[in-house]
């Protein structure tokens, strides 16, 4: 996924990418968990690149013996999470449905002019 992210973000030359990872644990994802996790990250990264007007995209991955998590954060314009959830915007809803399928915990912190942070933990 990191390689995909580097290639994808290159098509948005105004965004700098910062990646940190600590995959020292033994937690492994099964094929469905890996696919859903990838699709969630893909949606978050695509939305950040297309809509956030951010200059920086930070991605941190981590695994322990019983958890696998990825945090994606941008410094863009943010959004009103409640308005997005109540409206006909399907990105956040799709992310939440994919997380439910694999019983992942997901947190979305967003505020106007404060960027967005999404964390997915399995």
PDB file of N, CA and C in Angstrom:
ATOM      1  N   UNK A   1       0.809  -1.187   0.000  1.00  0.00           N
ATOM      2  CA  UNK A   1       0.000   0.000   0.000  1.00  0.00           C
ATOM      3  C   UNK A   1       0.859   1.260   0.000  1.00  0.00           C
ATOM      4  N   UNK A   2       1.988   1.193   0.661  1.00  0.00           N
ATOM      5  CA  UNK A   2       2.871   2.360   0.716  1.00  0.00           C
ATOM      6  C   UNK A   2       3.340   2.722  -0.692  1.00  0.00           C
ATOM      7  N   UNK A   3       3.709   1.714  -1.493  1.00  0.00           N
ATOM      8  CA  UNK A   3       4.137   1.984  -2.872  1.00  0.00           C
ATOM      9  C   UNK A   3       3.012   2.631  -3.676  1.00  0.00           C
ATOM     10  N   UNK A   4       1.801   2.088  -3.534  1.00  0.00           N
ATOM     11  CA  UNK A   4       0.644   2.660  -4.224  1.00  0.00           C
ATOM     12  C   UNK A   4       0.474   4.125  -3.829  1.00  0.00           C
ATOM     13  N   UNK A   5       0.573   4.399  -2.538  1.00  0.00           N
ATOM     14  CA  UNK A   5       0.371   5.757  -2.038  1.00  0.00           C
ATOM     15  C   UNK A   5       1.402   6.717  -2.608  1.00  0.00           C
ATOM     16  N   UNK A   6       2.656   6.294  -2.624  1.00  0.00           N
ATOM     17  CA  UNK A   6       3.709   7.149  -3.199  1.00  0.00           C
ATOM     18  C   UNK A   6       3.402   7.472  -4.661  1.00  0.00           C
ATOM     19  N   UNK A   7       3.041   6.462  -5.434  1.00  0.00           N
ATOM     20  CA  UNK A   7       2.745   6.685  -6.854  1.00  0.00           C
ATOM     21  C   UNK A   7       1.521   7.584  -7.028  1.00  0.00           C
ATOM     22  N   UNK A   8       0.483   7.340  -6.243  1.00  0.00           N
ATOM     23  CA  UNK A   8      -0.747   8.108  -6.371  1.00  0.00           C
ATOM     24  C   UNK A   8      -0.521   9.569  -5.998  1.00  0.00           C
ATOM     25  N   UNK A   9       0.148   9.807  -4.898  1.00  0.00           N
ATOM     26  CA  UNK A   9       0.355  11.177  -4.425  1.00  0.00           C
ATOM     27  C   UNK A   9       1.258  11.957  -5.380  1.00  0.00           C
ATOM     28  N   UNK A  10       2.117  11.268  -6.133  1.00  0.00           N
ATOM     29  CA  UNK A  10       2.971  11.951  -7.116  1.00  0.00           C
ATOM     30  C   UNK A  10       2.145  12.686  -8.165  1.00  0.00           C
ATOM     31  N   UNK A  11       0.923  12.240  -8.409  1.00  0.00           N
ATOM     32  CA  UNK A  11       0.078  12.931  -9.388  1.00  0.00           C
ATOM     33  C   UNK A  11      -0.508  14.226  -8.813  1.00  0.00           C
ATOM     34  N   UNK A  12      -0.237  14.500  -7.544  1.00  0.00           N
ATOM     35  CA  UNK A  12      -0.636  15.750  -6.888  1.00  0.00           C
ATOM     36  C   UNK A  12       0.633  16.413  -6.363  1.00  0.00           C
ATOM     37  N   UNK A  13       1.358  17.118  -7.235  1.00  0.00           N
ATOM     38  CA  UNK A  13       2.686  17.626  -6.869  1.00  0.00           C
ATOM     39  C   UNK A  13       2.697  18.644  -5.737  1.00  0.00           C
ATOM     40  N   UNK A  14       1.558  19.204  -5.371  1.00  0.00           N
ATOM     41  CA  UNK A  14       1.540  20.181  -4.277  1.00  0.00           C
ATOM     42  C   UNK A  14       1.459  19.513  -2.903  1.00  0.00           C
ATOM     43  N   UNK A  15       1.272  18.195  -2.867  1.00  0.00           N
ATOM     44  CA  UNK A  15       1.138  17.480  -1.594  1.00  0.00           C
ATOM     45  C   UNK A  15       2.433  16.741  -1.274  1.00  0.00           C
ATOM     46  N   UNK A  16       2.951  16.974  -0.077  1.00  0.00           N
ATOM     47  CA  UNK A  16       4.117  16.240   0.402  1.00  0.00           C
ATOM     48  C   UNK A  16       3.623  15.050   1.211  1.00  0.00           C
ATOM     49  N   UNK A  17       4.285  13.922   1.040  1.00  0.00           N
ATOM     50  CA  UNK A  17       3.899  12.692   1.719  1.00  0.00           C
ATOM     51  C   UNK A  17       4.925  12.349   2.786  1.00  0.00           C
ATOM     52  N   UNK A  18       4.441  12.075   3.996  1.00  0.00           N
ATOM     53  CA  UNK A  18       5.287  11.608   5.091  1.00  0.00           C
ATOM     54  C   UNK A  18       4.778  10.244   5.507  1.00  0.00           C
ATOM     55  N   UNK A  19       5.666   9.259   5.559  1.00  0.00           N
ATOM     56  CA  UNK A  19       5.268   7.903   5.922  1.00  0.00           C
ATOM     57  C   UNK A  19       6.115   7.428   7.085  1.00  0.00           C
ATOM     58  N   UNK A  20       5.463   6.876   8.078  1.00  0.00           N
ATOM     59  CA  UNK A  20       6.146   6.261   9.203  1.00  0.00           C
ATOM     60  C   UNK A  20       5.547   4.888   9.426  1.00  0.00           C
ATOM     61  N   UNK A  21       6.373   3.931   9.771  1.00  0.00           N
ATOM     62  CA  UNK A  21       5.838   2.594   9.992  1.00  0.00           C
ATOM     63  C   UNK A  21       6.622   1.871  11.073  1.00  0.00           C
ATOM     64  N   UNK A  22       5.895   1.067  11.825  1.00  0.00           N
ATOM     65  CA  UNK A  22       6.489   0.222  12.847  1.00  0.00           C
ATOM     66  C   UNK A  22       5.706  -1.083  12.848  1.00  0.00           C
ATOM     67  N   UNK A  23       6.076  -1.972  11.966  1.00  0.00           N
ATOM     68  CA  UNK A  23       5.392  -3.252  11.847  1.00  0.00           C
ATOM     69  C   UNK A  23       6.200  -4.341  12.540  1.00  0.00           C
ATOM     70  N   UNK A  24       6.431  -4.159  13.833  1.00  0.00           N
ATOM     71  CA  UNK A  24       7.260  -5.096  14.583  1.00  0.00           C
ATOM     72  C   UNK A  24       6.459  -6.245  15.175  1.00  0.00           C
ATOM     73  N   UNK A  25       5.146  -6.131  15.187  1.00  0.00           N
ATOM     74  CA  UNK A  25       4.311  -7.165  15.785  1.00  0.00           C
ATOM     75  C   UNK A  25       4.057  -8.320  14.846  1.00  0.00           C
ATOM     76  N   UNK A  26       3.325  -9.290  15.351  1.00  0.00           N
ATOM     77  CA  UNK A  26       3.048 -10.500  14.576  1.00  0.00           C
ATOM     78  C   UNK A  26       1.646 -10.515  13.978  1.00  0.00           C
ATOM     79  N   UNK A  27       0.843  -9.488  14.241  1.00  0.00           N
ATOM     80  CA  UNK A  27      -0.525  -9.445  13.723  1.00  0.00           C
ATOM     81  C   UNK A  27      -0.501  -9.431  12.203  1.00  0.00           C
ATOM     82  N   UNK A  28      -1.217 -10.368  11.614  1.00  0.00           N
ATOM     83  CA  UNK A  28      -1.334 -10.458  10.162  1.00  0.00           C
ATOM     84  C   UNK A  28      -2.807 -10.373   9.783  1.00  0.00           C
ATOM     85  N   UNK A  29      -3.076  -9.782   8.646  1.00  0.00           N
ATOM     86  CA  UNK A  29      -4.443  -9.659   8.159  1.00  0.00           C
ATOM     87  C   UNK A  29      -4.754 -10.806   7.217  1.00  0.00           C
ATOM     88  N   UNK A  30      -5.992 -11.327   7.289  1.00  0.00           N
ATOM     89  CA  UNK A  30      -6.387 -12.311   6.287  1.00  0.00           C
ATOM     90  C   UNK A  30      -6.676 -11.568   4.985  1.00  0.00           C
ATOM     91  N   UNK A  31      -6.959 -12.293   3.920  1.00  0.00           N
ATOM     92  CA  UNK A  31      -7.080 -11.650   2.605  1.00  0.00           C
ATOM     93  C   UNK A  31      -8.240 -10.653   2.557  1.00  0.00           C
ATOM     94  N   UNK A  32      -9.376 -10.956   3.187  1.00  0.00           N
ATOM     95  CA  UNK A  32     -10.499 -10.017   3.179  1.00  0.00           C
ATOM     96  C   UNK A  32     -10.180  -8.777   4.010  1.00  0.00           C
ATOM     97  N   UNK A  33      -9.563  -8.964   5.179  1.00  0.00           N
ATOM     98  CA  UNK A  33      -9.172  -7.817   5.997  1.00  0.00           C
ATOM     99  C   UNK A  33      -8.201  -6.918   5.236  1.00  0.00           C
ATOM    100  N   UNK A  34      -7.237  -7.540   4.567  1.00  0.00           N
ATOM    101  CA  UNK A  34      -6.243  -6.766   3.814  1.00  0.00           C
ATOM    102  C   UNK A  34      -6.907  -5.976   2.689  1.00  0.00           C
ATOM    103  N   UNK A  35      -7.826  -6.617   1.962  1.00  0.00           N
ATOM    104  CA  UNK A  35      -8.516  -5.939   0.860  1.00  0.00           C
ATOM    105  C   UNK A  35      -9.359  -4.771   1.376  1.00  0.00           C
ATOM    106  N   UNK A  36     -10.170  -5.006   2.393  1.00  0.00           N
ATOM    107  CA  UNK A  36     -11.023  -3.940   2.922  1.00  0.00           C
ATOM    108  C   UNK A  36     -10.177  -2.804   3.504  1.00  0.00           C
ATOM    109  N   UNK A  37      -9.119  -3.160   4.204  1.00  0.00           N
ATOM    110  CA  UNK A  37      -8.218  -2.161   4.785  1.00  0.00           C
ATOM    111  C   UNK A  37      -7.609  -1.308   3.677  1.00  0.00           C
ATOM    112  N   UNK A  38      -7.155  -1.960   2.609  1.00  0.00           N
ATOM    113  CA  UNK A  38      -6.586  -1.240   1.470  1.00  0.00           C
ATOM    114  C   UNK A  38      -7.613  -0.294   0.858  1.00  0.00           C
ATOM    115  N   UNK A  39      -8.839  -0.778   0.658  1.00  0.00           N
ATOM    116  CA  UNK A  39      -9.886   0.049   0.039  1.00  0.00           C
ATOM    117  C   UNK A  39     -10.250   1.250   0.919  1.00  0.00           C
ATOM    118  N   UNK A  40     -10.264   1.061   2.229  1.00  0.00           N
ATOM    119  CA  UNK A  40     -10.516   2.184   3.138  1.00  0.00           C
ATOM    120  C   UNK A  40      -9.417   3.223   2.976  1.00  0.00           C
ATOM    121  N   UNK A  41      -8.176   2.767   3.025  1.00  0.00           N
ATOM    122  CA  UNK A  41      -7.044   3.693   2.887  1.00  0.00           C
ATOM    123  C   UNK A  41      -7.068   4.387   1.536  1.00  0.00           C
ATOM    124  N   UNK A  42      -7.388   3.642   0.497  1.00  0.00           N
ATOM    125  CA  UNK A  42      -7.461   4.206  -0.851  1.00  0.00           C
ATOM    126  C   UNK A  42      -8.500   5.332  -0.901  1.00  0.00           C
ATOM    127  N   UNK A  43      -9.657   5.122  -0.300  1.00  0.00           N
ATOM    128  CA  UNK A  43     -10.719   6.135  -0.282  1.00  0.00           C
ATOM    129  C   UNK A  43     -10.279   7.380   0.483  1.00  0.00           C
ATOM    130  N   UNK A  44      -9.661   7.169   1.641  1.00  0.00           N
ATOM    131  CA  UNK A  44      -9.210   8.301   2.458  1.00  0.00           C
ATOM    132  C   UNK A  44      -8.146   9.104   1.720  1.00  0.00           C
ATOM    133  N   UNK A  45      -7.181   8.414   1.127  1.00  0.00           N
ATOM    134  CA  UNK A  45      -6.088   9.086   0.415  1.00  0.00           C
ATOM    135  C   UNK A  45      -6.619   9.821  -0.814  1.00  0.00           C
ATOM    136  N   UNK A  46      -7.510   9.181  -1.558  1.00  0.00           N
ATOM    137  CA  UNK A  46      -8.099   9.823  -2.736  1.00  0.00           C
ATOM    138  C   UNK A  46      -8.846  11.092  -2.340  1.00  0.00           C
ATOM    139  N   UNK A  47      -9.664  11.010  -1.293  1.00  0.00           N
ATOM    140  CA  UNK A  47     -10.405  12.193  -0.850  1.00  0.00           C
ATOM    141  C   UNK A  47      -9.464  13.298  -0.397  1.00  0.00           C
ATOM    142  N   UNK A  48      -8.411  12.934   0.322  1.00  0.00           N
ATOM    143  CA  UNK A  48      -7.445  13.940   0.785  1.00  0.00           C
ATOM    144  C   UNK A  48      -6.781  14.630  -0.404  1.00  0.00           C
ATOM    145  N   UNK A  49      -6.381  13.852  -1.387  1.00  0.00           N
ATOM    146  CA  UNK A  49      -5.691  14.431  -2.548  1.00  0.00           C
ATOM    147  C   UNK A  49      -6.624  15.287  -3.399  1.00  0.00           C
ATOM    148  N   UNK A  50      -7.852  14.846  -3.574  1.00  0.00           N
ATOM    149  CA  UNK A  50      -8.773  15.562  -4.459  1.00  0.00           C
ATOM    150  C   UNK A  50      -9.442  16.772  -3.812  1.00  0.00           C
ATOM    151  N   UNK A  51      -9.785  16.661  -2.540  1.00  0.00           N
ATOM    152  CA  UNK A  51     -10.681  17.660  -1.961  1.00  0.00           C
ATOM    153  C   UNK A  51     -10.115  18.478  -0.804  1.00  0.00           C
ATOM    154  N   UNK A  52      -9.052  18.030  -0.168  1.00  0.00           N
ATOM    155  CA  UNK A  52      -8.643  18.660   1.092  1.00  0.00           C
ATOM    156  C   UNK A  52      -7.853  19.953   0.932  1.00  0.00           C
ATOM    157  N   UNK A  53      -7.291  20.162  -0.254  1.00  0.00           N
ATOM    158  CA  UNK A  53      -6.410  21.313  -0.478  1.00  0.00           C
ATOM    159  C   UNK A  53      -5.225  21.301   0.494  1.00  0.00           C
ATOM    160  N   UNK A  54      -4.826  20.116   0.920  1.00  0.00           N
ATOM    161  CA  UNK A  54      -3.732  20.010   1.889  1.00  0.00           C
ATOM    162  C   UNK A  54      -2.377  20.100   1.199  1.00  0.00           C
ATOM    163  N   UNK A  55      -1.395  20.419   1.997  1.00  0.00           N
ATOM    164  CA  UNK A  55      -0.007  20.461   1.542  1.00  0.00           C
ATOM    165  C   UNK A  55       0.764  19.251   2.037  1.00  0.00           C
ATOM    166  N   UNK A  56       0.233  18.567   3.060  1.00  0.00           N
ATOM    167  CA  UNK A  56       0.930  17.449   3.674  1.00  0.00           C
ATOM    168  C   UNK A  56      -0.049  16.310   3.940  1.00  0.00           C
ATOM    169  N   UNK A  57       0.388  15.103   3.615  1.00  0.00           N
ATOM    170  CA  UNK A  57      -0.370  13.901   3.913  1.00  0.00           C
ATOM    171  C   UNK A  57       0.551  13.001   4.721  1.00  0.00           C
ATOM    172  N   UNK A  58       0.135  12.668   5.933  1.00  0.00           N
ATOM    173  CA  UNK A  58       0.935  11.817   6.816  1.00  0.00           C
ATOM    174  C   UNK A  58       0.261  10.461   6.951  1.00  0.00           C
ATOM    175  N   UNK A  59       1.053   9.410   6.804  1.00  0.00           N
ATOM    176  CA  UNK A  59       0.542   8.057   6.967  1.00  0.00           C
ATOM    177  C   UNK A  59       1.443   7.331   7.952  1.00  0.00           C
ATOM    178  N   UNK A  60       0.834   6.755   8.979  1.00  0.00           N
ATOM    179  CA  UNK A  60       1.572   5.977   9.969  1.00  0.00           C
ATOM    180  C   UNK A  60       0.952   4.598  10.062  1.00  0.00           C
ATOM    181  N   UNK A  61       1.766   3.586   9.908  1.00  0.00           N
ATOM    182  CA  UNK A  61       1.306   2.213  10.064  1.00  0.00           C
ATOM    183  C   UNK A  61       1.979   1.572  11.253  1.00  0.00           C
ATOM    184  N   UNK A  62       1.239   0.687  11.928  1.00  0.00           N
ATOM    185  CA  UNK A  62       1.794   0.044  13.110  1.00  0.00           C
ATOM    186  C   UNK A  62       1.141  -1.313  13.314  1.00  0.00           C
ATOM    187  N   UNK A  63       1.932  -2.267  13.753  1.00  0.00           N
ATOM    188  CA  UNK A  63       1.364  -3.545  14.165  1.00  0.00           C
ATOM    189  C   UNK A  63       1.976  -3.956  15.491  1.00  0.00           C
ATOM    190  N   UNK A  64       1.148  -4.603  16.293  1.00  0.00           N
ATOM    191  CA  UNK A  64       1.610  -5.224  17.525  1.00  0.00           C
ATOM    192  C   UNK A  64       1.262  -6.700  17.388  1.00  0.00           C
ATOM    193  N   UNK A  65       1.340  -7.427  18.476  1.00  0.00           N
ATOM    194  CA  UNK A  65       1.011  -8.845  18.386  1.00  0.00           C
ATOM    195  C   UNK A  65      -0.478  -9.095  18.158  1.00  0.00           C
ATOM    196  N   UNK A  66      -1.328  -8.127  18.524  1.00  0.00           N
ATOM    197  CA  UNK A  66      -2.759  -8.361  18.347  1.00  0.00           C
ATOM    198  C   UNK A  66      -3.517  -7.233  17.648  1.00  0.00           C
ATOM    199  N   UNK A  67      -2.827  -6.204  17.183  1.00  0.00           N
ATOM    200  CA  UNK A  67      -3.489  -5.092  16.484  1.00  0.00           C
ATOM    201  C   UNK A  67      -2.684  -4.651  15.272  1.00  0.00           C
ATOM    202  N   UNK A  68      -3.424  -4.172  14.280  1.00  0.00           N
ATOM    203  CA  UNK A  68      -2.836  -3.604  13.068  1.00  0.00           C
ATOM    204  C   UNK A  68      -3.565  -2.293  12.835  1.00  0.00           C
ATOM    205  N   UNK A  69      -2.819  -1.199  12.714  1.00  0.00           N
ATOM    206  CA  UNK A  69      -3.497   0.086  12.524  1.00  0.00           C
ATOM    207  C   UNK A  69      -2.768   0.969  11.523  1.00  0.00           C
ATOM    208  N   UNK A  70      -3.556   1.812  10.899  1.00  0.00           N
ATOM    209  CA  UNK A  70      -3.023   2.828   9.994  1.00  0.00           C
ATOM    210  C   UNK A  70      -3.734   4.134  10.319  1.00  0.00           C
ATOM    211  N   UNK A  71      -2.947   5.198  10.409  1.00  0.00           N
ATOM    212  CA  UNK A  71      -3.497   6.537  10.629  1.00  0.00           C
ATOM    213  C   UNK A  71      -3.116   7.393   9.430  1.00  0.00           C
ATOM    214  N   UNK A  72      -4.100   8.065   8.864  1.00  0.00           N
ATOM    215  CA  UNK A  72      -3.890   8.952   7.721  1.00  0.00           C
ATOM    216  C   UNK A  72      -4.376  10.338   8.134  1.00  0.00           C
ATOM    217  N   UNK A  73      -3.509  11.316   7.974  1.00  0.00           N
ATOM    218  CA  UNK A  73      -3.819  12.670   8.439  1.00  0.00           C
ATOM    219  C   UNK A  73      -3.426  13.677   7.367  1.00  0.00           C
ATOM    220  N   UNK A  74      -4.272  14.678   7.151  1.00  0.00           N
ATOM    221  CA  UNK A  74      -3.909  15.763   6.241  1.00  0.00           C
ATOM    222  C   UNK A  74      -4.043  17.097   6.966  1.00  0.00           C
ATOM    223  N   UNK A  75      -3.446  18.119   6.390  1.00  0.00           N
ATOM    224  CA  UNK A  75      -3.523  19.461   6.985  1.00  0.00           C
ATOM    225  C   UNK A  75      -4.383  20.381   6.124  1.00  0.00           C
ATOM    226  N   UNK A  76      -5.410  19.801   5.531  1.00  0.00           N
ATOM    227  CA  UNK A  76      -6.244  20.545   4.593  1.00  0.00           C
ATOM    228  C   UNK A  76      -7.388  21.308   5.234  1.00  0.00           C
ATOM    229  N   UNK A  77      -8.391  21.583   4.412  1.00  0.00           N
ATOM    230  CA  UNK A  77      -9.502  22.443   4.823  1.00  0.00           C
ATOM    231  C   UNK A  77     -10.488  21.745   5.752  1.00  0.00           C
ATOM    232  N   UNK A  78     -10.395  20.436   5.875  1.00  0.00           N
ATOM    233  CA  UNK A  78     -11.297  19.705   6.751  1.00  0.00           C
ATOM    234  C   UNK A  78     -12.724  19.712   6.238  1.00  0.00           C
ATOM    235  N   UNK A  79     -13.630  19.222   7.065  1.00  0.00           N
ATOM    236  CA  UNK A  79     -15.047  19.234   6.718  1.00  0.00           C
ATOM    237  C   UNK A  79     -15.867  19.020   7.985  1.00  0.00           C
ATOM    238  N   UNK A  80     -17.153  19.288   7.872  1.00  0.00           N
ATOM    239  CA  UNK A  80     -18.089  19.063   8.969  1.00  0.00           C
ATOM    240  C   UNK A  80     -18.547  17.613   8.875  1.00  0.00           C
ATOM    241  N   UNK A  81     -18.042  16.769   9.760  1.00  0.00           N
ATOM    242  CA  UNK A  81     -18.320  15.336   9.695  1.00  0.00           C
ATOM    243  C   UNK A  81     -19.811  15.047   9.783  1.00  0.00           C
ATOM    244  N   UNK A  82     -20.521  15.714  10.656  1.00  0.00           N
ATOM    245  CA  UNK A  82     -21.956  15.469  10.809  1.00  0.00           C
ATOM    246  C   UNK A  82     -22.711  15.811   9.527  1.00  0.00           C
ATOM    247  N   UNK A  83     -22.364  16.922   8.900  1.00  0.00           N
ATOM    248  CA  UNK A  83     -23.023  17.312   7.648  1.00  0.00           C
ATOM    249  C   UNK A  83     -22.752  16.292   6.551  1.00  0.00           C
ATOM    250  N   UNK A  84     -21.535  15.773   6.520  1.00  0.00           N
ATOM    251  CA  UNK A  84     -21.182  14.758   5.519  1.00  0.00           C
ATOM    252  C   UNK A  84     -21.980  13.481   5.773  1.00  0.00           C
ATOM    253  N   UNK A  85     -22.070  13.055   7.026  1.00  0.00           N
ATOM    254  CA  UNK A  85     -22.795  11.824   7.352  1.00  0.00           C
ATOM    255  C   UNK A  85     -24.289  11.962   7.089  1.00  0.00           C
ATOM    256  N   UNK A  86     -24.832  13.154   7.306  1.00  0.00           N
ATOM    257  CA  UNK A  86     -26.262  13.378   7.098  1.00  0.00           C
ATOM    258  C   UNK A  86     -26.619  13.588   5.629  1.00  0.00           C
ATOM    259  N   UNK A  87     -25.658  13.971   4.812  1.00  0.00           N
ATOM    260  CA  UNK A  87     -25.920  14.274   3.406  1.00  0.00           C
ATOM    261  C   UNK A  87     -25.771  13.062   2.508  1.00  0.00           C
ATOM    262  N   UNK A  88     -25.694  13.328   1.233  1.00  0.00           N
ATOM    263  CA  UNK A  88     -25.562  12.263   0.247  1.00  0.00           C
ATOM    264  C   UNK A  88     -24.125  12.125  -0.213  1.00  0.00           C
ATOM    265  N   UNK A  89     -23.224  12.109   0.731  1.00  0.00           N
ATOM    266  CA  UNK A  89     -21.806  11.894   0.467  1.00  0.00           C
ATOM    267  C   UNK A  89     -21.503  10.462   0.881  1.00  0.00           C
ATOM    268  N   UNK A  90     -21.045   9.658  -0.056  1.00  0.00           N
ATOM    269  CA  UNK A  90     -20.931   8.235   0.220  1.00  0.00           C
ATOM    270  C   UNK A  90     -19.544   7.789   0.663  1.00  0.00           C
ATOM    271  N   UNK A  91     -18.541   8.638   0.558  1.00  0.00           N
ATOM    272  CA  UNK A  91     -17.186   8.243   0.923  1.00  0.00           C
ATOM    273  C   UNK A  91     -17.072   7.797   2.364  1.00  0.00           C
ATOM    274  N   UNK A  92     -17.534   8.626   3.301  1.00  0.00           N
ATOM    275  CA  UNK A  92     -17.455   8.285   4.726  1.00  0.00           C
ATOM    276  C   UNK A  92     -18.331   7.072   5.025  1.00  0.00           C
ATOM    277  N   UNK A  93     -19.507   7.009   4.437  1.00  0.00           N
ATOM    278  CA  UNK A  93     -20.398   5.866   4.659  1.00  0.00           C
ATOM    279  C   UNK A  93     -19.759   4.577   4.150  1.00  0.00           C
ATOM    280  N   UNK A  94     -19.127   4.627   2.982  1.00  0.00           N
ATOM    281  CA  UNK A  94     -18.453   3.443   2.446  1.00  0.00           C
ATOM    282  C   UNK A  94     -17.308   3.005   3.344  1.00  0.00           C
ATOM    283  N   UNK A  95     -16.554   3.972   3.850  1.00  0.00           N
ATOM    284  CA  UNK A  95     -15.452   3.664   4.761  1.00  0.00           C
ATOM    285  C   UNK A  95     -15.992   2.963   6.005  1.00  0.00           C
ATOM    286  N   UNK A  96     -17.055   3.486   6.576  1.00  0.00           N
ATOM    287  CA  UNK A  96     -17.627   2.896   7.783  1.00  0.00           C
ATOM    288  C   UNK A  96     -18.180   1.496   7.519  1.00  0.00           C
ATOM    289  N   UNK A  97     -18.813   1.283   6.372  1.00  0.00           N
ATOM    290  CA  UNK A  97     -19.339  -0.045   6.034  1.00  0.00           C
ATOM    291  C   UNK A  97     -18.217  -1.054   5.850  1.00  0.00           C
ATOM    292  N   UNK A  98     -17.151  -0.649   5.170  1.00  0.00           N
ATOM    293  CA  UNK A  98     -16.011  -1.556   4.987  1.00  0.00           C
ATOM    294  C   UNK A  98     -15.389  -1.924   6.330  1.00  0.00           C
ATOM    295  N   UNK A  99     -15.299  -0.958   7.228  1.00  0.00           N
ATOM    296  CA  UNK A  99     -14.744  -1.231   8.558  1.00  0.00           C
ATOM    297  C   UNK A  99     -15.631  -2.223   9.315  1.00  0.00           C
ATOM    298  N   UNK A 100     -16.944  -2.069   9.205  1.00  0.00           N
ATOM    299  CA  UNK A 100     -17.874  -2.995   9.862  1.00  0.00           C
ATOM    300  C   UNK A 100     -17.688  -4.416   9.357  1.00  0.00           C
ATOM    301  N   UNK A 101     -17.490  -4.572   8.056  1.00  0.00           N
ATOM    302  CA  UNK A 101     -17.345  -5.896   7.455  1.00  0.00           C
ATOM    303  C   UNK A 101     -16.202  -6.675   8.096  1.00  0.00           C
ATOM    304  N   UNK A 102     -15.124  -5.990   8.421  1.00  0.00           N
ATOM    305  CA  UNK A 102     -13.952  -6.671   8.986  1.00  0.00           C
ATOM    306  C   UNK A 102     -13.817  -6.422  10.488  1.00  0.00           C
ATOM    307  N   UNK A 103     -14.866  -5.880  11.095  1.00  0.00           N
ATOM    308  CA  UNK A 103     -14.883  -5.611  12.539  1.00  0.00           C
ATOM    309  C   UNK A 103     -13.704  -4.743  12.978  1.00  0.00           C
ATOM    310  N   UNK A 104     -13.402  -3.759  12.171  1.00  0.00           N
ATOM    311  CA  UNK A 104     -12.320  -2.814  12.481  1.00  0.00           C
ATOM    312  C   UNK A 104     -12.898  -1.604  13.206  1.00  0.00           C
ATOM    313  N   UNK A 105     -12.119  -1.059  14.102  1.00  0.00           N
ATOM    314  CA  UNK A 105     -12.491   0.205  14.740  1.00  0.00           C
ATOM    315  C   UNK A 105     -12.002   1.328  13.840  1.00  0.00           C
ATOM    316  N   UNK A 106     -12.841   2.314  13.645  1.00  0.00           N
ATOM    317  CA  UNK A 106     -12.435   3.442  12.809  1.00  0.00           C
ATOM    318  C   UNK A 106     -12.790   4.738  13.529  1.00  0.00           C
ATOM    319  N   UNK A 107     -11.856   5.656  13.526  1.00  0.00           N
ATOM    320  CA  UNK A 107     -12.144   6.978  14.086  1.00  0.00           C
ATOM    321  C   UNK A 107     -11.847   8.011  13.011  1.00  0.00           C
ATOM    322  N   UNK A 108     -12.766   8.942  12.874  1.00  0.00           N
ATOM    323  CA  UNK A 108     -12.616  10.027  11.909  1.00  0.00           C
ATOM    324  C   UNK A 108     -12.727  11.329  12.686  1.00  0.00           C
ATOM    325  N   UNK A 109     -11.648  12.070  12.707  1.00  0.00           N
ATOM    326  CA  UNK A 109     -11.637  13.381  13.356  1.00  0.00           C
ATOM    327  C   UNK A 109     -11.497  14.426  12.264  1.00  0.00           C
ATOM    328  N   UNK A 110     -12.512  15.257  12.148  1.00  0.00           N
ATOM    329  CA  UNK A 110     -12.511  16.283  11.106  1.00  0.00           C
ATOM    330  C   UNK A 110     -13.142  17.552  11.657  1.00  0.00           C
ATOM    331  N   UNK A 111     -12.600  18.659  11.231  1.00  0.00           N
ATOM    332  CA  UNK A 111     -13.163  19.958  11.597  1.00  0.00           C
ATOM    333  C   UNK A 111     -12.801  20.946  10.500  1.00  0.00           C
ATOM    334  N   UNK A 112     -13.668  21.894  10.293  1.00  0.00           N
ATOM    335  CA  UNK A 112     -13.415  22.907   9.273  1.00  0.00           C
ATOM    336  C   UNK A 112     -12.087  23.613   9.548  1.00  0.00           C
ATOM    337  N   UNK A 113     -11.276  23.741   8.516  1.00  0.00           N
ATOM    338  CA  UNK A 113      -9.967  24.408   8.546  1.00  0.00           C
ATOM    339  C   UNK A 113      -8.966  23.770   9.512  1.00  0.00           C
ATOM    340  N   UNK A 114      -9.214  22.511   9.895  1.00  0.00           N
ATOM    341  CA  UNK A 114      -8.288  21.840  10.808  1.00  0.00           C
ATOM    342  C   UNK A 114      -7.824  20.492  10.276  1.00  0.00           C
ATOM    343  N   UNK A 115      -8.136  20.186   9.037  1.00  0.00           N
ATOM    344  CA  UNK A 115      -7.697  18.926   8.463  1.00  0.00           C
ATOM    345  C   UNK A 115      -8.541  17.750   8.920  1.00  0.00           C
ATOM    346  N   UNK A 116      -8.081  16.569   8.524  1.00  0.00           N
ATOM    347  CA  UNK A 116      -8.799  15.327   8.809  1.00  0.00           C
ATOM    348  C   UNK A 116      -7.793  14.283   9.263  1.00  0.00           C
ATOM    349  N   UNK A 117      -8.206  13.470  10.235  1.00  0.00           N
ATOM    350  CA  UNK A 117      -7.396  12.334  10.671  1.00  0.00           C
ATOM    351  C   UNK A 117      -8.300  11.113  10.732  1.00  0.00           C
ATOM    352  N   UNK A 118      -7.878  10.046  10.064  1.00  0.00           N
ATOM    353  CA  UNK A 118      -8.626   8.793  10.058  1.00  0.00           C
ATOM    354  C   UNK A 118      -7.704   7.705  10.582  1.00  0.00           C
ATOM    355  N   UNK A 119      -8.205   6.924  11.537  1.00  0.00           N
ATOM    356  CA  UNK A 119      -7.424   5.808  12.069  1.00  0.00           C
ATOM    357  C   UNK A 119      -8.257   4.543  11.984  1.00  0.00           C
ATOM    358  N   UNK A 120      -7.660   3.504  11.413  1.00  0.00           N
ATOM    359  CA  UNK A 120      -8.307   2.212  11.256  1.00  0.00           C
ATOM    360  C   UNK A 120      -7.505   1.210  12.068  1.00  0.00           C
ATOM    361  N   UNK A 121      -8.180   0.462  12.947  1.00  0.00           N
ATOM    362  CA  UNK A 121      -7.500  -0.527  13.776  1.00  0.00           C
ATOM    363  C   UNK A 121      -8.250  -1.849  13.711  1.00  0.00           C
ATOM    364  N   UNK A 122      -7.493  -2.898  13.448  1.00  0.00           N
ATOM    365  CA  UNK A 122      -8.060  -4.254  13.428  1.00  0.00           C
ATOM    366  C   UNK A 122      -7.408  -5.030  14.558  1.00  0.00           C
TER     367      UNK A 122
END
